[in-house]
Amino acid sequence: MDVRDYYQTLGVPRTATAAEIKKAFRKLARENHPDKKPGNKVAEQRFKDVNEANEVLSDPDKRQKYDRFGTDWEAYERAAKANPSGGRSSGAQGDPFGPGGPFASYAGAGGQNVHYEFRTTGGGAAGGGAPGAGAAGAGFSDFFEVLFGNGGRARAAGTAGGTNAVLAPAEAIADVTLEEAFHGASRIVEVAGRRLEVAIPRGVDTSSRVRLSGKGPDGRDLIVVIKVVPHGDFTRRGADLEREIPVSLREALLGGEVSVRTLKGRVLLTLPPGTQTGRTFRLTGQGMPRLKREGSGDLYVRVRVVLPSRISDEARAAATTFLDLVEQPDPRI
């Protein structure tokens, strides 16, 4: 099983700029260079992974293909180059899966359709996977579009044909919660009548891929594409997390300890007196585990001060007396 996410390898979000990618690469390359850590096999492998990720993400063309196809982008590119039709359909009646077509061996016997996408939710079995099921999935149809133009998004169908063709991997999509991405989880995917258990590693992010060699239809590889569903409290930025917490006027004004829920459990955050709305505190190591790396990201907690909506006449008088004693310049100046 192969899981590679070049963005997580460099510790940057998928929206990272070229400058951010370059900065992250240089930092990690220095930290893990063999000359700096001689004999350290972990650092040596890490150095190779960092260079591989940078080679792709620093090249705009390669990065675009990687974002679209994942780590299999080179296989798709080779397949596209192997088709000399220039994006035109081929085979019988313009069908690339028909007799003589470059993908004739992809078709099921007797002209059966082939369903390439399988979707899983909540740990249950995915629908589809057997011959005769529906249209090609989104990820795989992108592959056909590269080869045959927009017509490649049509249903993959035809009759048995050529031999010794390289079978492109099938894809499944696994929805996981942020908690499952944090702790690790498993999913059941049903492919061609077989139920497969897929281990979801800790630290995966949306678009991370898990490869199951030889487990797809016709013995091809199955690639499980991870989709981390949005969370109600936490926002993810690579390995870092962000969240907002409400605090009372007393806590903001006088300071004190407040309880903060993290994915690891509850921790106490000490607020200094005079904490303002919008102030952000960093909780080191309370973010997501780094995929295939040691350590975790951080949790950034943003404060929102909640003022009392109603006060009594007595409280108003006391507040007025208090505020008269507080020296505060006009914040609008």
C-alpha atoms as a PDB file:
ATOM      1  CA  MET A   1       0.000   0.000   0.000  1.00  0.00           C
ATOM      2  CA  ASP A   2       1.506   3.295  -1.113  1.00  0.00           C
ATOM      3  CA  VAL A   3       0.481   6.674   0.298  1.00  0.00           C
ATOM      4  CA  ARG A   4       2.200   9.777  -1.005  1.00  0.00           C
ATOM      5  CA  ASP A   5       1.145  13.370  -0.650  1.00  0.00           C
ATOM      6  CA  TYR A   6       3.809  15.752  -1.900  1.00  0.00           C
ATOM      7  CA  TYR A   7       2.220  18.728  -0.158  1.00  0.00           C
ATOM      8  CA  GLN A   8       2.352  16.980   3.209  1.00  0.00           C
ATOM      9  CA  THR A   9       5.888  15.809   2.472  1.00  0.00           C
ATOM     10  CA  LEU A  10       6.938  19.458   2.274  1.00  0.00           C
ATOM     11  CA  GLY A  11       4.543  20.517   5.029  1.00  0.00           C
ATOM     12  CA  VAL A  12       2.711  23.078   2.899  1.00  0.00           C
ATOM     13  CA  PRO A  13      -0.979  23.480   2.014  1.00  0.00           C
ATOM     14  CA  ARG A  14      -2.230  22.668  -1.470  1.00  0.00           C
ATOM     15  CA  THR A  15      -2.661  26.411  -2.046  1.00  0.00           C
ATOM     16  CA  ALA A  16       1.022  27.119  -1.352  1.00  0.00           C
ATOM     17  CA  THR A  17       2.815  29.558  -3.645  1.00  0.00           C
ATOM     18  CA  ALA A  18       5.986  28.679  -5.540  1.00  0.00           C
ATOM     19  CA  ALA A  19       7.984  30.740  -3.048  1.00  0.00           C
ATOM     20  CA  GLU A  20       6.473  28.882  -0.087  1.00  0.00           C
ATOM     21  CA  ILE A  21       7.253  25.531  -1.694  1.00  0.00           C
ATOM     22  CA  LYS A  22      10.836  26.585  -2.383  1.00  0.00           C
ATOM     23  CA  LYS A  23      11.308  27.808   1.186  1.00  0.00           C
ATOM     24  CA  ALA A  24       9.893  24.600   2.685  1.00  0.00           C
ATOM     25  CA  PHE A  25      12.045  22.428   0.413  1.00  0.00           C
ATOM     26  CA  ARG A  26      15.269  24.228   1.285  1.00  0.00           C
ATOM     27  CA  LYS A  27      14.556  23.996   4.999  1.00  0.00           C
ATOM     28  CA  LEU A  28      13.773  20.263   4.915  1.00  0.00           C
ATOM     29  CA  ALA A  29      16.636  19.485   2.551  1.00  0.00           C
ATOM     30  CA  ARG A  30      19.095  21.161   4.932  1.00  0.00           C
ATOM     31  CA  GLU A  31      17.651  19.354   7.946  1.00  0.00           C
ATOM     32  CA  ASN A  32      17.827  15.909   6.348  1.00  0.00           C
ATOM     33  CA  HIS A  33      20.915  16.178   4.156  1.00  0.00           C
ATOM     34  CA  PRO A  34      23.088  13.017   4.364  1.00  0.00           C
ATOM     35  CA  ASP A  35      26.151  15.143   5.125  1.00  0.00           C
ATOM     36  CA  LYS A  36      24.391  16.535   8.181  1.00  0.00           C
ATOM     37  CA  LYS A  37      23.045  13.178   9.371  1.00  0.00           C
ATOM     38  CA  PRO A  38      25.464  10.522   8.100  1.00  0.00           C
ATOM     39  CA  GLY A  39      24.224   6.963   8.528  1.00  0.00           C
ATOM     40  CA  ASN A  40      20.697   8.033   9.455  1.00  0.00           C
ATOM     41  CA  LYS A  41      18.477   5.914   7.181  1.00  0.00           C
ATOM     42  CA  VAL A  42      15.305   7.765   8.175  1.00  0.00           C
ATOM     43  CA  ALA A  43      16.830  11.126   7.274  1.00  0.00           C
ATOM     44  CA  GLU A  44      18.221   9.665   4.053  1.00  0.00           C
ATOM     45  CA  GLN A  45      14.767   8.473   2.956  1.00  0.00           C
ATOM     46  CA  ARG A  46      13.231  11.736   4.074  1.00  0.00           C
ATOM     47  CA  PHE A  47      15.779  13.627   1.966  1.00  0.00           C
ATOM     48  CA  LYS A  48      14.810  11.542  -1.079  1.00  0.00           C
ATOM     49  CA  ASP A  49      11.087  12.105  -0.449  1.00  0.00           C
ATOM     50  CA  VAL A  50      11.589  15.854  -0.103  1.00  0.00           C
ATOM     51  CA  ASN A  51      13.534  16.023  -3.368  1.00  0.00           C
ATOM     52  CA  GLU A  52      10.892  13.966  -5.171  1.00  0.00           C
ATOM     53  CA  ALA A  53       8.113  16.226  -3.903  1.00  0.00           C
ATOM     54  CA  ASN A  54      10.003  19.381  -4.832  1.00  0.00           C
ATOM     55  CA  GLU A  55      10.788  18.100  -8.321  1.00  0.00           C
ATOM     56  CA  VAL A  56       7.061  17.871  -9.027  1.00  0.00           C
ATOM     57  CA  LEU A  57       5.636  20.814  -7.084  1.00  0.00           C
ATOM     58  CA  SER A  58       8.295  23.299  -8.210  1.00  0.00           C
ATOM     59  CA  ASP A  59       7.417  22.640 -11.861  1.00  0.00           C
ATOM     60  CA  PRO A  60       4.090  24.346 -12.743  1.00  0.00           C
ATOM     61  CA  ASP A  61       3.265  21.823 -15.477  1.00  0.00           C
ATOM     62  CA  LYS A  62       4.057  18.779 -13.339  1.00  0.00           C
ATOM     63  CA  ARG A  63       2.246  20.289 -10.372  1.00  0.00           C
ATOM     64  CA  GLN A  64      -0.895  20.850 -12.437  1.00  0.00           C
ATOM     65  CA  LYS A  65      -0.855  17.216 -13.584  1.00  0.00           C
ATOM     66  CA  TYR A  66      -0.162  15.983 -10.060  1.00  0.00           C
ATOM     67  CA  ASP A  67      -3.080  18.000  -8.682  1.00  0.00           C
ATOM     68  CA  ARG A  68      -5.313  16.408 -11.290  1.00  0.00           C
ATOM     69  CA  PHE A  69      -4.107  12.805 -11.344  1.00  0.00           C
ATOM     70  CA  GLY A  70      -2.049  12.381  -8.170  1.00  0.00           C
ATOM     71  CA  THR A  71       1.185  10.405  -8.133  1.00  0.00           C
ATOM     72  CA  ASP A  72       0.043   8.482 -11.236  1.00  0.00           C
ATOM     73  CA  TRP A  73       0.301  11.574 -13.447  1.00  0.00           C
ATOM     74  CA  GLU A  74       3.379  10.189 -15.214  1.00  0.00           C
ATOM     75  CA  ALA A  75       1.547   6.974 -16.126  1.00  0.00           C
ATOM     76  CA  TYR A  76      -1.309   8.990 -17.582  1.00  0.00           C
ATOM     77  CA  GLU A  77       1.143  11.148 -19.507  1.00  0.00           C
ATOM     78  CA  ARG A  78       2.887   8.093 -20.966  1.00  0.00           C
ATOM     79  CA  ALA A  79      -0.461   6.645 -21.983  1.00  0.00           C
ATOM     80  CA  ALA A  80      -1.416   9.918 -23.652  1.00  0.00           C
ATOM     81  CA  LYS A  81       1.852   9.989 -25.609  1.00  0.00           C
ATOM     82  CA  ALA A  82       1.318   6.377 -26.637  1.00  0.00           C
ATOM     83  CA  ASN A  83      -1.942   7.402 -28.354  1.00  0.00           C
ATOM     84  CA  PRO A  84      -0.926   9.077 -31.647  1.00  0.00           C
ATOM     85  CA  SER A  85      -4.480  10.065 -32.552  1.00  0.00           C
ATOM     86  CA  GLY A  86      -4.003  13.538 -31.079  1.00  0.00           C
ATOM     87  CA  GLY A  87      -6.986  13.323 -28.755  1.00  0.00           C
ATOM     88  CA  ARG A  88      -9.291  11.756 -31.369  1.00  0.00           C
ATOM     89  CA  SER A  89     -11.335   8.647 -30.782  1.00  0.00           C
ATOM     90  CA  SER A  90     -10.144   5.445 -32.425  1.00  0.00           C
ATOM     91  CA  GLY A  91     -11.313   1.908 -32.898  1.00  0.00           C
ATOM     92  CA  ALA A  92     -14.586   0.695 -34.308  1.00  0.00           C
ATOM     93  CA  GLN A  93     -17.083   3.525 -34.826  1.00  0.00           C
ATOM     94  CA  GLY A  94     -14.821   5.934 -32.934  1.00  0.00           C
ATOM     95  CA  ASP A  95     -14.916   3.787 -29.787  1.00  0.00           C
ATOM     96  CA  PRO A  96     -11.493   3.564 -28.089  1.00  0.00           C
ATOM     97  CA  PHE A  97     -12.709   0.402 -26.367  1.00  0.00           C
ATOM     98  CA  GLY A  98     -13.907  -1.219 -29.579  1.00  0.00           C
ATOM     99  CA  PRO A  99     -11.925  -3.685 -31.687  1.00  0.00           C
ATOM    100  CA  GLY A 100      -8.613  -2.149 -32.629  1.00  0.00           C
ATOM    101  CA  GLY A 101      -8.979   0.636 -30.091  1.00  0.00           C
ATOM    102  CA  PRO A 102      -6.030   1.377 -27.781  1.00  0.00           C
ATOM    103  CA  PHE A 103      -8.086   0.337 -24.753  1.00  0.00           C
ATOM    104  CA  ALA A 104      -9.931  -2.631 -26.205  1.00  0.00           C
ATOM    105  CA  SER A 105      -8.706  -4.875 -23.391  1.00  0.00           C
ATOM    106  CA  TYR A 106     -10.367  -2.596 -20.814  1.00  0.00           C
ATOM    107  CA  ALA A 107     -13.831  -3.568 -22.004  1.00  0.00           C
ATOM    108  CA  GLY A 108     -15.804  -6.361 -20.436  1.00  0.00           C
ATOM    109  CA  ALA A 109     -16.661  -9.461 -22.412  1.00  0.00           C
ATOM    110  CA  GLY A 110     -19.799  -9.233 -24.527  1.00  0.00           C
ATOM    111  CA  GLY A 111     -19.726  -5.425 -24.675  1.00  0.00           C
ATOM    112  CA  GLN A 112     -20.294  -4.917 -20.942  1.00  0.00           C
ATOM    113  CA  ASN A 113     -19.693  -1.508 -19.410  1.00  0.00           C
ATOM    114  CA  VAL A 114     -16.870  -1.033 -16.921  1.00  0.00           C
ATOM    115  CA  HIS A 115     -17.396   1.130 -13.840  1.00  0.00           C
ATOM    116  CA  TYR A 116     -14.178   2.714 -12.639  1.00  0.00           C
ATOM    117  CA  GLU A 117     -15.232   4.757  -9.623  1.00  0.00           C
ATOM    118  CA  PHE A 118     -16.329   3.354  -6.286  1.00  0.00           C
ATOM    119  CA  ARG A 119     -17.445   5.587  -3.436  1.00  0.00           C
ATOM    120  CA  THR A 120     -17.403   4.820   0.269  1.00  0.00           C
ATOM    121  CA  THR A 121     -19.018   6.740   3.118  1.00  0.00           C
ATOM    122  CA  GLY A 122     -19.057   6.193   6.842  1.00  0.00           C
ATOM    123  CA  GLY A 123     -17.254   2.872   6.738  1.00  0.00           C
ATOM    124  CA  GLY A 124     -19.961   1.097   4.742  1.00  0.00           C
ATOM    125  CA  ALA A 125     -19.588  -0.794   1.508  1.00  0.00           C
ATOM    126  CA  ALA A 126     -19.323   1.205  -1.655  1.00  0.00           C
ATOM    127  CA  GLY A 127     -21.716   0.815  -4.502  1.00  0.00           C
ATOM    128  CA  GLY A 128     -20.655  -0.342  -7.929  1.00  0.00           C
ATOM    129  CA  GLY A 129     -17.547  -2.057  -9.084  1.00  0.00           C
ATOM    130  CA  ALA A 130     -19.012  -4.998 -10.923  1.00  0.00           C
ATOM    131  CA  PRO A 131     -19.202  -5.047 -14.720  1.00  0.00           C
ATOM    132  CA  GLY A 132     -22.374  -3.452 -15.979  1.00  0.00           C
ATOM    133  CA  ALA A 133     -22.434  -0.620 -13.440  1.00  0.00           C
ATOM    134  CA  GLY A 134     -22.869   3.018 -14.531  1.00  0.00           C
ATOM    135  CA  ALA A 135     -20.611   5.617 -16.089  1.00  0.00           C
ATOM    136  CA  ALA A 136     -16.914   6.142 -15.594  1.00  0.00           C
ATOM    137  CA  GLY A 137     -15.901   7.943 -12.384  1.00  0.00           C
ATOM    138  CA  ALA A 138     -14.675  11.497 -12.295  1.00  0.00           C
ATOM    139  CA  GLY A 139     -11.005  10.719 -11.652  1.00  0.00           C
ATOM    140  CA  PHE A 140     -10.784   8.110 -14.377  1.00  0.00           C
ATOM    141  CA  SER A 141     -12.811  10.150 -16.858  1.00  0.00           C
ATOM    142  CA  ASP A 142     -10.177  12.869 -16.528  1.00  0.00           C
ATOM    143  CA  PHE A 143      -7.727  10.279 -17.817  1.00  0.00           C
ATOM    144  CA  PHE A 144      -9.910   9.530 -20.842  1.00  0.00           C
ATOM    145  CA  GLU A 145     -10.304  13.236 -21.514  1.00  0.00           C
ATOM    146  CA  VAL A 146      -6.533  13.587 -21.767  1.00  0.00           C
ATOM    147  CA  LEU A 147      -6.416  10.772 -24.315  1.00  0.00           C
ATOM    148  CA  PHE A 148      -9.543  11.364 -26.346  1.00  0.00           C
ATOM    149  CA  GLY A 149     -10.718  14.927 -25.703  1.00  0.00           C
ATOM    150  CA  ASN A 150     -14.060  15.735 -24.097  1.00  0.00           C
ATOM    151  CA  GLY A 151     -15.545  12.622 -25.635  1.00  0.00           C
ATOM    152  CA  GLY A 152     -13.400  10.675 -23.230  1.00  0.00           C
ATOM    153  CA  ARG A 153     -15.808  11.573 -20.424  1.00  0.00           C
ATOM    154  CA  ALA A 154     -18.402   9.284 -21.938  1.00  0.00           C
ATOM    155  CA  ARG A 155     -19.110   5.821 -20.573  1.00  0.00           C
ATOM    156  CA  ALA A 156     -16.223   3.384 -20.954  1.00  0.00           C
ATOM    157  CA  ALA A 157     -17.783   0.559 -22.964  1.00  0.00           C
ATOM    158  CA  GLY A 158     -16.897  -1.874 -25.748  1.00  0.00           C
ATOM    159  CA  THR A 159     -15.962  -5.438 -26.504  1.00  0.00           C
ATOM    160  CA  ALA A 160     -12.937  -7.487 -25.632  1.00  0.00           C
ATOM    161  CA  GLY A 161      -9.985  -6.790 -27.878  1.00  0.00           C
ATOM    162  CA  GLY A 162      -6.230  -6.299 -27.636  1.00  0.00           C
ATOM    163  CA  THR A 163      -3.767  -7.985 -25.310  1.00  0.00           C
ATOM    164  CA  ASN A 164      -0.873  -6.968 -23.064  1.00  0.00           C
ATOM    165  CA  ALA A 165      -2.309  -3.493 -22.456  1.00  0.00           C
ATOM    166  CA  VAL A 166      -1.149  -1.711 -19.316  1.00  0.00           C
ATOM    167  CA  LEU A 167      -4.226  -1.426 -17.125  1.00  0.00           C
ATOM    168  CA  ALA A 168      -4.627   2.008 -15.625  1.00  0.00           C
ATOM    169  CA  PRO A 169      -5.634   1.975 -11.949  1.00  0.00           C
ATOM    170  CA  ALA A 170      -9.248   2.264 -10.857  1.00  0.00           C
ATOM    171  CA  GLU A 171     -10.228   4.804  -8.236  1.00  0.00           C
ATOM    172  CA  ALA A 172     -12.361   4.766  -5.116  1.00  0.00           C
ATOM    173  CA  ILE A 173     -13.234   7.784  -3.002  1.00  0.00           C
ATOM    174  CA  ALA A 174     -13.211   7.475   0.785  1.00  0.00           C
ATOM    175  CA  ASP A 175     -14.864  10.170   2.895  1.00  0.00           C
ATOM    176  CA  VAL A 176     -13.254  10.439   6.334  1.00  0.00           C
ATOM    177  CA  THR A 177     -13.862  12.791   9.228  1.00  0.00           C
ATOM    178  CA  LEU A 178     -11.127  15.009  10.606  1.00  0.00           C
ATOM    179  CA  GLU A 179     -11.055  12.840  13.726  1.00  0.00           C
ATOM    180  CA  GLU A 180     -10.508   9.741  11.585  1.00  0.00           C
ATOM    181  CA  ALA A 181      -7.742  11.490   9.664  1.00  0.00           C
ATOM    182  CA  PHE A 182      -6.189  12.345  13.032  1.00  0.00           C
ATOM    183  CA  HIS A 183      -6.421   8.896  14.623  1.00  0.00           C
ATOM    184  CA  GLY A 184      -6.406   6.692  11.513  1.00  0.00           C
ATOM    185  CA  ALA A 185      -9.347   4.576  10.381  1.00  0.00           C
ATOM    186  CA  SER A 186     -10.451   1.840   8.011  1.00  0.00           C
ATOM    187  CA  ARG A 187     -12.944   1.714   5.180  1.00  0.00           C
ATOM    188  CA  ILE A 188     -14.668  -1.151   3.401  1.00  0.00           C
ATOM    189  CA  VAL A 189     -14.684  -0.855  -0.389  1.00  0.00           C
ATOM    190  CA  GLU A 190     -16.625  -3.318  -2.527  1.00  0.00           C
ATOM    191  CA  VAL A 191     -14.930  -3.900  -5.861  1.00  0.00           C
ATOM    192  CA  ALA A 192     -16.157  -6.408  -8.429  1.00  0.00           C
ATOM    193  CA  GLY A 193     -17.990  -8.373  -5.752  1.00  0.00           C
ATOM    194  CA  ARG A 194     -15.091  -8.346  -3.294  1.00  0.00           C
ATOM    195  CA  ARG A 195     -15.072  -6.451  -0.003  1.00  0.00           C
ATOM    196  CA  LEU A 196     -11.709  -4.858   0.704  1.00  0.00           C
ATOM    197  CA  GLU A 197     -10.654  -3.257   3.955  1.00  0.00           C
ATOM    198  CA  VAL A 198      -8.592  -0.132   3.386  1.00  0.00           C
ATOM    199  CA  ALA A 199      -6.399   1.186   6.195  1.00  0.00           C
ATOM    200  CA  ILE A 200      -6.481   4.990   6.324  1.00  0.00           C
ATOM    201  CA  PRO A 201      -3.163   6.197   7.814  1.00  0.00           C
ATOM    202  CA  ARG A 202      -2.950   8.953  10.408  1.00  0.00           C
ATOM    203  CA  GLY A 203      -2.368  12.382   8.922  1.00  0.00           C
ATOM    204  CA  VAL A 204      -4.036  11.924   5.533  1.00  0.00           C
ATOM    205  CA  ASP A 205      -5.542  14.980   3.889  1.00  0.00           C
ATOM    206  CA  THR A 206      -7.940  15.560   1.030  1.00  0.00           C
ATOM    207  CA  SER A 207      -6.419  14.151  -2.196  1.00  0.00           C
ATOM    208  CA  SER A 208      -4.069  11.808  -0.319  1.00  0.00           C
ATOM    209  CA  ARG A 209      -3.983   8.467  -2.103  1.00  0.00           C
ATOM    210  CA  VAL A 210      -3.784   4.910  -0.830  1.00  0.00           C
ATOM    211  CA  ARG A 211      -2.746   2.359  -3.453  1.00  0.00           C
ATOM    212  CA  LEU A 212      -3.892  -1.259  -3.217  1.00  0.00           C
ATOM    213  CA  SER A 213      -1.764  -3.207  -5.666  1.00  0.00           C
ATOM    214  CA  GLY A 214      -3.716  -5.677  -7.784  1.00  0.00           C
ATOM    215  CA  LYS A 215      -6.963  -5.218  -5.842  1.00  0.00           C
ATOM    216  CA  GLY A 216      -8.945  -3.405  -8.538  1.00  0.00           C
ATOM    217  CA  PRO A 217     -11.068  -4.884 -11.342  1.00  0.00           C
ATOM    218  CA  ASP A 218      -9.187  -7.205 -13.714  1.00  0.00           C
ATOM    219  CA  GLY A 219      -6.228  -7.286 -11.350  1.00  0.00           C
ATOM    220  CA  ARG A 220      -5.377  -3.629 -11.851  1.00  0.00           C
ATOM    221  CA  ASP A 221      -4.335  -1.431  -8.949  1.00  0.00           C
ATOM    222  CA  LEU A 222      -6.999   0.326  -6.915  1.00  0.00           C
ATOM    223  CA  ILE A 223      -6.294   3.862  -5.753  1.00  0.00           C
ATOM    224  CA  VAL A 224      -8.365   5.111  -2.840  1.00  0.00           C
ATOM    225  CA  VAL A 225      -8.564   8.909  -2.917  1.00  0.00           C
ATOM    226  CA  ILE A 226      -9.143  10.480   0.482  1.00  0.00           C
ATOM    227  CA  LYS A 227     -11.642  13.270   1.027  1.00  0.00           C
ATOM    228  CA  VAL A 228     -11.600  14.799   4.515  1.00  0.00           C
ATOM    229  CA  VAL A 229     -15.029  16.276   5.170  1.00  0.00           C
ATOM    230  CA  PRO A 230     -15.177  19.814   6.647  1.00  0.00           C
ATOM    231  CA  HIS A 231     -15.315  20.051  10.444  1.00  0.00           C
ATOM    232  CA  GLY A 232     -17.613  22.306  12.418  1.00  0.00           C
ATOM    233  CA  ASP A 233     -14.946  23.579  14.832  1.00  0.00           C
ATOM    234  CA  PHE A 234     -11.544  23.066  13.230  1.00  0.00           C
ATOM    235  CA  THR A 235     -10.074  24.415  10.003  1.00  0.00           C
ATOM    236  CA  ARG A 236      -7.095  22.564   8.604  1.00  0.00           C
ATOM    237  CA  ARG A 237      -4.033  24.211   7.044  1.00  0.00           C
ATOM    238  CA  GLY A 238      -1.682  21.403   6.096  1.00  0.00           C
ATOM    239  CA  ALA A 239      -0.655  19.823   9.400  1.00  0.00           C
ATOM    240  CA  ASP A 240      -1.842  22.846  11.396  1.00  0.00           C
ATOM    241  CA  LEU A 241      -5.337  23.379  12.755  1.00  0.00           C
ATOM    242  CA  GLU A 242      -7.236  26.551  13.569  1.00  0.00           C
ATOM    243  CA  ARG A 243     -10.251  27.081  15.760  1.00  0.00           C
ATOM    244  CA  GLU A 244     -12.101  29.870  17.558  1.00  0.00           C
ATOM    245  CA  ILE A 245     -13.110  29.852  21.216  1.00  0.00           C
ATOM    246  CA  PRO A 246     -15.548  32.207  22.969  1.00  0.00           C
ATOM    247  CA  VAL A 247     -14.422  33.709  26.273  1.00  0.00           C
ATOM    248  CA  SER A 248     -16.346  35.747  28.816  1.00  0.00           C
ATOM    249  CA  LEU A 249     -15.762  39.405  29.621  1.00  0.00           C
ATOM    250  CA  ARG A 250     -14.304  38.406  32.992  1.00  0.00           C
ATOM    251  CA  GLU A 251     -11.850  35.950  31.401  1.00  0.00           C
ATOM    252  CA  ALA A 252     -10.765  38.466  28.776  1.00  0.00           C
ATOM    253  CA  LEU A 253     -10.474  41.372  31.191  1.00  0.00           C
ATOM    254  CA  LEU A 254      -8.891  39.690  34.189  1.00  0.00           C
ATOM    255  CA  GLY A 255      -7.216  36.717  32.513  1.00  0.00           C
ATOM    256  CA  GLY A 256      -7.301  33.127  33.677  1.00  0.00           C
ATOM    257  CA  GLU A 257      -7.382  29.559  32.444  1.00  0.00           C
ATOM    258  CA  VAL A 258      -9.917  28.376  29.869  1.00  0.00           C
ATOM    259  CA  SER A 259     -10.512  24.837  28.635  1.00  0.00           C
ATOM    260  CA  VAL A 260      -9.867  24.230  24.930  1.00  0.00           C
ATOM    261  CA  ARG A 261     -10.946  21.085  23.096  1.00  0.00           C
ATOM    262  CA  THR A 262      -8.307  19.650  20.781  1.00  0.00           C
ATOM    263  CA  LEU A 263      -8.355  16.438  18.755  1.00  0.00           C
ATOM    264  CA  LYS A 264      -6.146  14.912  21.446  1.00  0.00           C
ATOM    265  CA  GLY A 265      -8.426  15.965  24.298  1.00  0.00           C
ATOM    266  CA  ARG A 266      -8.943  19.043  26.426  1.00  0.00           C
ATOM    267  CA  VAL A 267      -6.076  21.326  27.430  1.00  0.00           C
ATOM    268  CA  LEU A 268      -5.915  24.482  29.529  1.00  0.00           C
ATOM    269  CA  LEU A 269      -5.014  27.772  27.871  1.00  0.00           C
ATOM    270  CA  THR A 270      -3.873  30.657  30.064  1.00  0.00           C
ATOM    271  CA  LEU A 271      -5.246  34.014  28.960  1.00  0.00           C
ATOM    272  CA  PRO A 272      -3.346  37.114  30.043  1.00  0.00           C
ATOM    273  CA  PRO A 273      -5.354  40.059  31.424  1.00  0.00           C
ATOM    274  CA  GLY A 274      -6.719  42.311  28.705  1.00  0.00           C
ATOM    275  CA  THR A 275      -7.009  39.642  26.008  1.00  0.00           C
ATOM    276  CA  GLN A 276      -8.628  41.123  22.910  1.00  0.00           C
ATOM    277  CA  THR A 277     -10.998  39.552  20.394  1.00  0.00           C
ATOM    278  CA  GLY A 278      -8.973  38.164  17.510  1.00  0.00           C
ATOM    279  CA  ARG A 279      -5.856  37.416  19.523  1.00  0.00           C
ATOM    280  CA  THR A 280      -4.426  34.063  18.482  1.00  0.00           C
ATOM    281  CA  PHE A 281      -2.586  31.591  20.696  1.00  0.00           C
ATOM    282  CA  ARG A 282      -0.424  28.738  19.442  1.00  0.00           C
ATOM    283  CA  LEU A 283      -0.693  25.314  21.057  1.00  0.00           C
ATOM    284  CA  THR A 284       2.421  23.480  19.931  1.00  0.00           C
ATOM    285  CA  GLY A 285       1.969  19.884  18.798  1.00  0.00           C
ATOM    286  CA  GLN A 286      -1.824  19.944  19.050  1.00  0.00           C
ATOM    287  CA  GLY A 287      -2.382  19.855  15.281  1.00  0.00           C
ATOM    288  CA  MET A 288      -2.560  16.945  12.829  1.00  0.00           C
ATOM    289  CA  PRO A 289       0.040  14.183  12.761  1.00  0.00           C
ATOM    290  CA  ARG A 290       2.370  14.534   9.790  1.00  0.00           C
ATOM    291  CA  LEU A 291       1.778  11.849   7.172  1.00  0.00           C
ATOM    292  CA  LYS A 292       4.669   9.370   7.056  1.00  0.00           C
ATOM    293  CA  ARG A 293       6.725  11.717   9.235  1.00  0.00           C
ATOM    294  CA  GLU A 294       7.368  12.202  12.906  1.00  0.00           C
ATOM    295  CA  GLY A 295       5.711  14.969  14.867  1.00  0.00           C
ATOM    296  CA  SER A 296       2.506  16.944  14.575  1.00  0.00           C
ATOM    297  CA  GLY A 297       1.428  20.393  13.489  1.00  0.00           C
ATOM    298  CA  ASP A 298       0.164  23.089  15.828  1.00  0.00           C
ATOM    299  CA  LEU A 299      -3.277  24.315  16.854  1.00  0.00           C
ATOM    300  CA  TYR A 300      -3.950  28.045  16.547  1.00  0.00           C
ATOM    301  CA  VAL A 301      -6.701  29.245  18.878  1.00  0.00           C
ATOM    302  CA  ARG A 302      -8.388  32.544  18.061  1.00  0.00           C
ATOM    303  CA  VAL A 303     -10.237  34.315  20.887  1.00  0.00           C
ATOM    304  CA  ARG A 304     -13.694  35.851  20.552  1.00  0.00           C
ATOM    305  CA  VAL A 305     -14.795  37.928  23.546  1.00  0.00           C
ATOM    306  CA  VAL A 306     -18.505  37.593  24.320  1.00  0.00           C
ATOM    307  CA  LEU A 307     -19.990  40.622  26.081  1.00  0.00           C
ATOM    308  CA  PRO A 308     -23.053  40.331  28.324  1.00  0.00           C
ATOM    309  CA  SER A 309     -26.187  41.189  26.347  1.00  0.00           C
ATOM    310  CA  ARG A 310     -28.094  42.463  29.380  1.00  0.00           C
ATOM    311  CA  ILE A 311     -26.954  44.263  32.531  1.00  0.00           C
ATOM    312  CA  SER A 312     -28.927  45.511  35.503  1.00  0.00           C
ATOM    313  CA  ASP A 313     -29.033  49.130  36.606  1.00  0.00           C
ATOM    314  CA  GLU A 314     -26.774  48.235  39.513  1.00  0.00           C
ATOM    315  CA  ALA A 315     -24.279  46.538  37.213  1.00  0.00           C
ATOM    316  CA  ARG A 316     -24.389  49.493  34.820  1.00  0.00           C
ATOM    317  CA  ALA A 317     -23.577  51.897  37.654  1.00  0.00           C
ATOM    318  CA  ALA A 318     -20.733  49.673  38.822  1.00  0.00           C
ATOM    319  CA  ALA A 319     -19.407  49.375  35.260  1.00  0.00           C
ATOM    320  CA  THR A 320     -19.504  53.142  34.845  1.00  0.00           C
ATOM    321  CA  THR A 321     -17.538  53.598  38.057  1.00  0.00           C
ATOM    322  CA  PHE A 322     -15.028  50.975  36.952  1.00  0.00           C
ATOM    323  CA  LEU A 323     -14.579  52.425  33.474  1.00  0.00           C
ATOM    324  CA  ASP A 324     -14.028  55.892  34.919  1.00  0.00           C
ATOM    325  CA  LEU A 325     -11.022  54.428  36.729  1.00  0.00           C
ATOM    326  CA  VAL A 326      -9.598  52.796  33.600  1.00  0.00           C
ATOM    327  CA  GLU A 327      -7.321  54.880  31.422  1.00  0.00           C
ATOM    328  CA  GLN A 328      -7.957  53.898  27.818  1.00  0.00           C
ATOM    329  CA  PRO A 329      -7.172  56.061  24.792  1.00  0.00           C
ATOM    330  CA  ASP A 330      -9.706  56.396  22.003  1.00  0.00           C
ATOM    331  CA  PRO A 331      -9.144  53.226  19.894  1.00  0.00           C
ATOM    332  CA  ARG A 332     -10.415  54.985  16.755  1.00  0.00           C
ATOM    333  CA  ILE A 333      -7.613  57.530  16.750  1.00  0.00           C
END
